[in-house]
Amino acid sequence: MKTVLAPIDFSKVSRQVIDEAVVLARAIDARLVLLHVVQPAPIIASEFAIGESGVEVSRFEDQEAAQRLARLQTELGADGITAEVIHRVGYPGGKIVEVAKELKAAFIVVGAHGHTAFYDLIVGSTTSLVLKLAPCPVVVTPAAMAKGAAVRQAREMRDTAGAPRR
């Protein structure tokens, strides 16, 4: 069975990513898999035991993310949407590509947060890394994109491709 992988970070863009992934999964009769990746806590040695508190924070974030994924899966199920959820710890870009390969994903649907080029240069861009390394096509959903817009755009392009030009 085909798989649509939708990595989410619980930001505002996540809802658009999920909506777009649902539409795409239905259009190609694929299963929907939501992925959330929690970054590992940096290890900082200090006389103030910051390293231990960092591990505790990371553990809390990990548990919180798992609970949020479970709630989201339940909410989607109430709307008649079946979604599998995967929760991983690691660096998002690499983990997204890794999971896409494991699942043999047909598509990855990611969100664009609209950061500036300077921000992406300094901080790095998960979406950019996924675009470079993905084993399958990647659909990038802008934050303001309406539900199903990418699929509608693709259908319009397909339908007009054979139309005679004027």
C-alpha atoms as a PDB file:
ATOM      1  CA  MET A   1       0.000   0.000   0.000  1.00  0.00           C
ATOM      2  CA  LYS A   2       1.163   3.535  -0.757  1.00  0.00           C
ATOM      3  CA  THR A   3       2.075   5.808   2.139  1.00  0.00           C
ATOM      4  CA  VAL A   4       1.843   9.575   2.602  1.00  0.00           C
ATOM      5  CA  LEU A   5       4.179  10.733   5.360  1.00  0.00           C
ATOM      6  CA  ALA A   6       3.277  13.978   7.114  1.00  0.00           C
ATOM      7  CA  PRO A   7       5.931  15.214   9.540  1.00  0.00           C
ATOM      8  CA  ILE A   8       4.423  17.655  12.029  1.00  0.00           C
ATOM      9  CA  ASP A   9       5.870  19.849  14.762  1.00  0.00           C
ATOM     10  CA  PHE A  10       2.592  21.026  16.334  1.00  0.00           C
ATOM     11  CA  SER A  11       3.098  24.553  14.962  1.00  0.00           C
ATOM     12  CA  LYS A  12       0.337  26.495  13.179  1.00  0.00           C
ATOM     13  CA  VAL A  13       1.469  24.999   9.869  1.00  0.00           C
ATOM     14  CA  SER A  14       0.889  21.449  11.136  1.00  0.00           C
ATOM     15  CA  ARG A  15      -2.866  21.637  10.574  1.00  0.00           C
ATOM     16  CA  GLN A  16      -2.371  22.634   6.920  1.00  0.00           C
ATOM     17  CA  VAL A  17       0.164  19.824   6.497  1.00  0.00           C
ATOM     18  CA  ILE A  18      -2.311  17.308   7.918  1.00  0.00           C
ATOM     19  CA  ASP A  19      -5.197  18.630   5.789  1.00  0.00           C
ATOM     20  CA  GLU A  20      -3.083  18.477   2.629  1.00  0.00           C
ATOM     21  CA  ALA A  21      -1.764  15.015   3.496  1.00  0.00           C
ATOM     22  CA  VAL A  22      -5.307  13.722   4.085  1.00  0.00           C
ATOM     23  CA  VAL A  23      -6.456  15.002   0.700  1.00  0.00           C
ATOM     24  CA  LEU A  24      -3.398  13.535  -1.036  1.00  0.00           C
ATOM     25  CA  ALA A  25      -3.711  10.171   0.755  1.00  0.00           C
ATOM     26  CA  ARG A  26      -7.353   9.910  -0.268  1.00  0.00           C
ATOM     27  CA  ALA A  27      -6.560  10.922  -3.857  1.00  0.00           C
ATOM     28  CA  ILE A  28      -3.981   8.151  -4.304  1.00  0.00           C
ATOM     29  CA  ASP A  29      -5.646   5.621  -1.948  1.00  0.00           C
ATOM     30  CA  ALA A  30      -2.729   5.649   0.484  1.00  0.00           C
ATOM     31  CA  ARG A  31      -2.339   5.286   4.213  1.00  0.00           C
ATOM     32  CA  LEU A  32      -1.565   8.427   6.198  1.00  0.00           C
ATOM     33  CA  VAL A  33       1.320   8.431   8.656  1.00  0.00           C
ATOM     34  CA  LEU A  34       1.960  11.394  10.960  1.00  0.00           C
ATOM     35  CA  LEU A  35       5.514  11.737  12.245  1.00  0.00           C
ATOM     36  CA  HIS A  36       6.773  13.901  15.071  1.00  0.00           C
ATOM     37  CA  VAL A  37      10.464  14.170  15.880  1.00  0.00           C
ATOM     38  CA  VAL A  38      11.725  15.497  19.209  1.00  0.00           C
ATOM     39  CA  GLN A  39      15.270  16.806  19.105  1.00  0.00           C
ATOM     40  CA  PRO A  40      17.574  15.317  21.728  1.00  0.00           C
ATOM     41  CA  ALA A  41      18.585  17.618  24.557  1.00  0.00           C
ATOM     42  CA  PRO A  42      22.089  18.999  24.241  1.00  0.00           C
ATOM     43  CA  ILE A  43      24.455  17.544  26.798  1.00  0.00           C
ATOM     44  CA  ILE A  44      25.929  20.355  28.847  1.00  0.00           C
ATOM     45  CA  ALA A  45      28.278  19.507  31.658  1.00  0.00           C
ATOM     46  CA  SER A  46      28.286  22.041  34.435  1.00  0.00           C
ATOM     47  CA  GLU A  47      28.808  22.423  38.129  1.00  0.00           C
ATOM     48  CA  PHE A  48      25.133  23.440  38.297  1.00  0.00           C
ATOM     49  CA  ALA A  49      23.866  20.035  37.039  1.00  0.00           C
ATOM     50  CA  ILE A  50      22.267  21.583  33.953  1.00  0.00           C
ATOM     51  CA  GLY A  51      22.969  18.361  32.071  1.00  0.00           C
ATOM     52  CA  GLU A  52      20.559  16.394  34.266  1.00  0.00           C
ATOM     53  CA  SER A  53      17.803  18.991  34.014  1.00  0.00           C
ATOM     54  CA  GLY A  54      18.257  18.989  30.229  1.00  0.00           C
ATOM     55  CA  VAL A  55      17.611  15.260  30.166  1.00  0.00           C
ATOM     56  CA  GLU A  56      14.503  15.745  32.309  1.00  0.00           C
ATOM     57  CA  VAL A  57      13.217  18.466  29.978  1.00  0.00           C
ATOM     58  CA  SER A  58      13.869  16.215  26.981  1.00  0.00           C
ATOM     59  CA  ARG A  59      12.011  13.325  28.654  1.00  0.00           C
ATOM     60  CA  PHE A  60       9.071  15.629  29.406  1.00  0.00           C
ATOM     61  CA  GLU A  61       9.006  16.915  25.791  1.00  0.00           C
ATOM     62  CA  ASP A  62       9.128  13.326  24.549  1.00  0.00           C
ATOM     63  CA  GLN A  63       6.165  12.288  26.725  1.00  0.00           C
ATOM     64  CA  GLU A  64       4.202  15.438  25.876  1.00  0.00           C
ATOM     65  CA  ALA A  65       4.717  14.877  22.136  1.00  0.00           C
ATOM     66  CA  ALA A  66       3.561  11.252  22.387  1.00  0.00           C
ATOM     67  CA  GLN A  67       0.410  12.366  24.208  1.00  0.00           C
ATOM     68  CA  ARG A  68      -0.290  15.115  21.671  1.00  0.00           C
ATOM     69  CA  LEU A  69       0.110  12.630  18.813  1.00  0.00           C
ATOM     70  CA  ALA A  70      -2.320  10.215  20.485  1.00  0.00           C
ATOM     71  CA  ARG A  71      -4.878  13.023  20.972  1.00  0.00           C
ATOM     72  CA  LEU A  72      -4.458  14.116  17.359  1.00  0.00           C
ATOM     73  CA  GLN A  73      -4.942  10.551  16.141  1.00  0.00           C
ATOM     74  CA  THR A  74      -8.150  10.312  18.197  1.00  0.00           C
ATOM     75  CA  GLU A  75      -9.441  13.674  16.865  1.00  0.00           C
ATOM     76  CA  LEU A  76      -8.766  12.627  13.280  1.00  0.00           C
ATOM     77  CA  GLY A  77     -10.472   9.274  13.921  1.00  0.00           C
ATOM     78  CA  ALA A  78     -13.563  11.116  15.172  1.00  0.00           C
ATOM     79  CA  ASP A  79     -13.606  12.899  11.788  1.00  0.00           C
ATOM     80  CA  GLY A  80     -13.385   9.563   9.955  1.00  0.00           C
ATOM     81  CA  ILE A  81      -9.681   9.919   9.133  1.00  0.00           C
ATOM     82  CA  THR A  82      -7.422   6.969   9.832  1.00  0.00           C
ATOM     83  CA  ALA A  83      -3.871   7.972  10.616  1.00  0.00           C
ATOM     84  CA  GLU A  84      -0.949   6.054  11.998  1.00  0.00           C
ATOM     85  CA  VAL A  85       1.434   7.972  14.243  1.00  0.00           C
ATOM     86  CA  ILE A  86       5.167   7.626  14.700  1.00  0.00           C
ATOM     87  CA  HIS A  87       7.189   9.381  17.353  1.00  0.00           C
ATOM     88  CA  ARG A  88      10.994   9.542  17.152  1.00  0.00           C
ATOM     89  CA  VAL A  89      13.855  11.283  18.899  1.00  0.00           C
ATOM     90  CA  GLY A  90      16.579  12.759  16.724  1.00  0.00           C
ATOM     91  CA  TYR A  91      17.268  15.572  14.323  1.00  0.00           C
ATOM     92  CA  PRO A  92      14.118  16.263  12.284  1.00  0.00           C
ATOM     93  CA  GLY A  93      15.454  16.425   8.720  1.00  0.00           C
ATOM     94  CA  GLY A  94      17.428  13.216   8.978  1.00  0.00           C
ATOM     95  CA  LYS A  95      14.695  11.344  10.854  1.00  0.00           C
ATOM     96  CA  ILE A  96      12.038  12.379   8.333  1.00  0.00           C
ATOM     97  CA  VAL A  97      14.150  11.014   5.472  1.00  0.00           C
ATOM     98  CA  GLU A  98      14.960   7.872   7.477  1.00  0.00           C
ATOM     99  CA  VAL A  99      11.285   7.154   8.217  1.00  0.00           C
ATOM    100  CA  ALA A 100      10.293   7.889   4.603  1.00  0.00           C
ATOM    101  CA  LYS A 101      12.800   5.252   3.467  1.00  0.00           C
ATOM    102  CA  GLU A 102      11.614   2.748   6.103  1.00  0.00           C
ATOM    103  CA  LEU A 103       7.987   3.185   5.043  1.00  0.00           C
ATOM    104  CA  LYS A 104       8.790   3.395   1.323  1.00  0.00           C
ATOM    105  CA  ALA A 105       6.685   6.576   1.311  1.00  0.00           C
ATOM    106  CA  ALA A 106       5.091   7.631  -1.957  1.00  0.00           C
ATOM    107  CA  PHE A 107       5.027  11.291  -0.810  1.00  0.00           C
ATOM    108  CA  ILE A 108       6.206  13.441   2.060  1.00  0.00           C
ATOM    109  CA  VAL A 109       4.036  16.458   2.893  1.00  0.00           C
ATOM    110  CA  VAL A 110       5.911  19.149   4.819  1.00  0.00           C
ATOM    111  CA  GLY A 111       5.110  22.676   5.891  1.00  0.00           C
ATOM    112  CA  ALA A 112       6.968  25.842   5.065  1.00  0.00           C
ATOM    113  CA  HIS A 113       7.232  28.159   8.021  1.00  0.00           C
ATOM    114  CA  GLY A 114       8.187  31.163   5.921  1.00  0.00           C
ATOM    115  CA  HIS A 115      11.470  31.926   7.623  1.00  0.00           C
ATOM    116  CA  THR A 116      13.826  34.319   5.916  1.00  0.00           C
ATOM    117  CA  ALA A 117      16.797  33.079   3.914  1.00  0.00           C
ATOM    118  CA  PHE A 118      19.065  34.509   6.617  1.00  0.00           C
ATOM    119  CA  TYR A 119      17.296  32.423   9.282  1.00  0.00           C
ATOM    120  CA  ASP A 120      17.635  29.280   7.169  1.00  0.00           C
ATOM    121  CA  LEU A 121      21.304  30.040   6.560  1.00  0.00           C
ATOM    122  CA  ILE A 122      22.037  30.369  10.276  1.00  0.00           C
ATOM    123  CA  VAL A 123      19.643  27.826  11.765  1.00  0.00           C
ATOM    124  CA  GLY A 124      19.192  25.411   8.879  1.00  0.00           C
ATOM    125  CA  SER A 125      15.988  24.285   7.274  1.00  0.00           C
ATOM    126  CA  THR A 126      14.377  20.933   7.905  1.00  0.00           C
ATOM    127  CA  THR A 127      12.311  21.302   4.750  1.00  0.00           C
ATOM    128  CA  SER A 128      15.404  22.133   2.723  1.00  0.00           C
ATOM    129  CA  LEU A 129      17.192  19.033   3.990  1.00  0.00           C
ATOM    130  CA  VAL A 130      14.168  16.845   3.282  1.00  0.00           C
ATOM    131  CA  LEU A 131      13.936  18.257  -0.249  1.00  0.00           C
ATOM    132  CA  LYS A 132      17.603  17.407  -0.852  1.00  0.00           C
ATOM    133  CA  LEU A 133      17.591  13.893   0.597  1.00  0.00           C
ATOM    134  CA  ALA A 134      14.036  12.573   0.230  1.00  0.00           C
ATOM    135  CA  PRO A 135      13.612   9.213  -1.486  1.00  0.00           C
ATOM    136  CA  CYS A 136      10.247  10.321  -2.929  1.00  0.00           C
ATOM    137  CA  PRO A 137       8.411  13.459  -4.082  1.00  0.00           C
ATOM    138  CA  VAL A 138       7.937  16.157  -1.440  1.00  0.00           C
ATOM    139  CA  VAL A 139       4.891  18.426  -1.265  1.00  0.00           C
ATOM    140  CA  VAL A 140       5.676  21.698   0.516  1.00  0.00           C
ATOM    141  CA  THR A 141       2.594  23.347   1.968  1.00  0.00           C
ATOM    142  CA  PRO A 142       2.782  27.082   2.685  1.00  0.00           C
ATOM    143  CA  ALA A 143       1.194  28.153   5.957  1.00  0.00           C
ATOM    144  CA  ALA A 144      -1.602  30.008   4.165  1.00  0.00           C
ATOM    145  CA  MET A 145      -2.467  27.255   1.678  1.00  0.00           C
ATOM    146  CA  ALA A 146      -6.060  26.081   1.657  1.00  0.00           C
ATOM    147  CA  LYS A 147      -7.029  22.447   2.217  1.00  0.00           C
ATOM    148  CA  GLY A 148      -6.382  20.297  -0.844  1.00  0.00           C
ATOM    149  CA  ALA A 149      -4.854  23.143  -2.827  1.00  0.00           C
ATOM    150  CA  ALA A 150      -1.788  21.185  -3.982  1.00  0.00           C
ATOM    151  CA  VAL A 151      -3.918  18.324  -5.292  1.00  0.00           C
ATOM    152  CA  ARG A 152      -6.301  20.752  -7.017  1.00  0.00           C
ATOM    153  CA  GLN A 153      -3.372  22.589  -8.600  1.00  0.00           C
ATOM    154  CA  ALA A 154      -1.896  19.319  -9.866  1.00  0.00           C
ATOM    155  CA  ARG A 155      -5.247  18.268 -11.366  1.00  0.00           C
ATOM    156  CA  GLU A 156      -5.670  21.671 -13.036  1.00  0.00           C
ATOM    157  CA  MET A 157      -2.184  21.428 -14.519  1.00  0.00           C
ATOM    158  CA  ARG A 158      -2.913  17.895 -15.746  1.00  0.00           C
ATOM    159  CA  ASP A 159      -6.288  18.915 -17.217  1.00  0.00           C
ATOM    160  CA  THR A 160      -4.901  21.972 -19.001  1.00  0.00           C
ATOM    161  CA  ALA A 161      -1.745  20.225 -20.257  1.00  0.00           C
ATOM    162  CA  GLY A 162      -3.641  18.644 -23.134  1.00  0.00           C
ATOM    163  CA  ALA A 163      -5.711  21.726 -23.931  1.00  0.00           C
ATOM    164  CA  PRO A 164      -4.794  23.600 -27.108  1.00  0.00           C
ATOM    165  CA  ARG A 165      -2.987  26.887 -26.566  1.00  0.00           C
ATOM    166  CA  ARG A 166      -4.492  30.088 -27.821  1.00  0.00           C
END
